Amino acid sequence: MQLFAFNNTFLIHLCSWKIVLPAFFCIYSSYYFMVVIHRPKVICGQGRLRQFIEKRLPGITKGYYYPTYWAPGGHLQTLFRAIFQMLPPIRYIREVISMPDGGEVALDWVDDNKDTYRGLAVILPGLTGGSQSTYSQSLAYQAKLFSCRTVVYNNRGCGNSTLKTPNFACAASTDDLYHVLKFLKTRYPDLPVIVAGVSLGGIILSNYLANENIKEKYLDFGFAASIAWNFHKSQISLEEPFNRITYNRYLGKNLVKLAKNNHEMFDKHRDQLPFNLDDVPKCITIADFDKCVTAPLFGYKSIQDYYTDASFVFKMHKVTTPVVYLNAPDDPFSPLSAIPIDDIQKNPNLALILTKTGGHIGFMEGLIPTGQTYMDRVFAQLLKSYLDHSSELQKMD
């Protein structure tokens, strides 16, 4: 009797799972095809950039984003993109150039063995990222496909480079980018310059374009993905329990590691440093490091002053170069509340492609997301359209 009862219970559970699993699959699949797959919003004020996008970028204005079936949320997109995305077949040749203060920036050129090019593409990686990051290589590969002379700009101390001076990447500091772009334009004076920045790279690009003290920008078109528009709101988001444990601590640890890797240089300048070098290992989060190191190193009285100056949202009205942005509302670094949608529409030189999901530098597509992401697709379409029809963009009113 006990054996019969056990078998009967087992059969009931088995039958229930045979019903529940197919039902769940059908319900979720319906939700996926009706809600998750979507046409991203294009937010842009009236002007030449909007006209150009509507006329020359139907793949963006009328196309759809197909998020990975099993990763429709921001956290899944953020965490798994770096794991699944395969590295494209590219090889770099490094060139190191000196900055006026004695520091160095490592430029990694894509080795393509071509004699002629249609444009110069400059890739700006994120915080502690570099040319070896999967997203950097993927964007560089897209540029290579469209016959661009392509280079990845490694922030000081990143991309397996070492610091020569205490200065490193700062979201509000645009001096290094100015000198690099001027150097590149001198070498390739006849090529249109397209700069693509990701996360911190996109923030530095944006602040550079908004810097009114730099009269000659040395670039023609910009693309920026997953930028933090408002550092104050981003800090609040990153202090949420899950975000703090995952992204915030991870990047805070990377920043401390960057300092440790260059400890000999910092120790050499210990007496001149505006911060206590012994406090650096105690930093746990990005804000801890910014408060301890970045803010005082770049002359800010407080981390709040630094975050205000680094926030592009307060200066975006100053940009006169066309730039297209890509953001997701479930980005843990820049949630929807931090994206200034209304202000973006006030500047005709800015456009925002806003997806429903995508996380931070996620934007995975496909059941097994090893190939290009939606970010790669957008960049490829922008690049092709600009190289083919840049004269139209310049003539449009």
Foldseek 3Di string as FASTA:
>chain_A
DVVVVVVVVVVVVVVVCVVVVVVVVVVLVVCLVVPLKDQWDKFFADWLVVVLCVVQPCCNRVNIFRAASVQSAQVSLVPCQQVQADFDPWAWDWDWDADPVGWIKIKTWTDDPDDDALAAEEEEEAQLEWCPRRVNRLLQVLRVVRRHGYIYIAWALHPPHATPALDTDALLDQRVVQVVLVVVCVVVVPHAYEYEYAASGLLSVLNLLLDPVDPDSNHAEYEYEQYQQAQVVLVVLCPPVVNVVPVFQVSLVSVLVSCVVHVVNCVVCVVVAQAHSVCSVVTRGPLSCCQGHVQVRVPHPGSVRSRVSSRSNVRNQRGDHAYEYEYEQNASRHHPVRDPSVVNNVRNRYMYGYHPHNYRVRQAHDNRRHHDGVSSVVSSSVVVSCSVPVVSSVPID
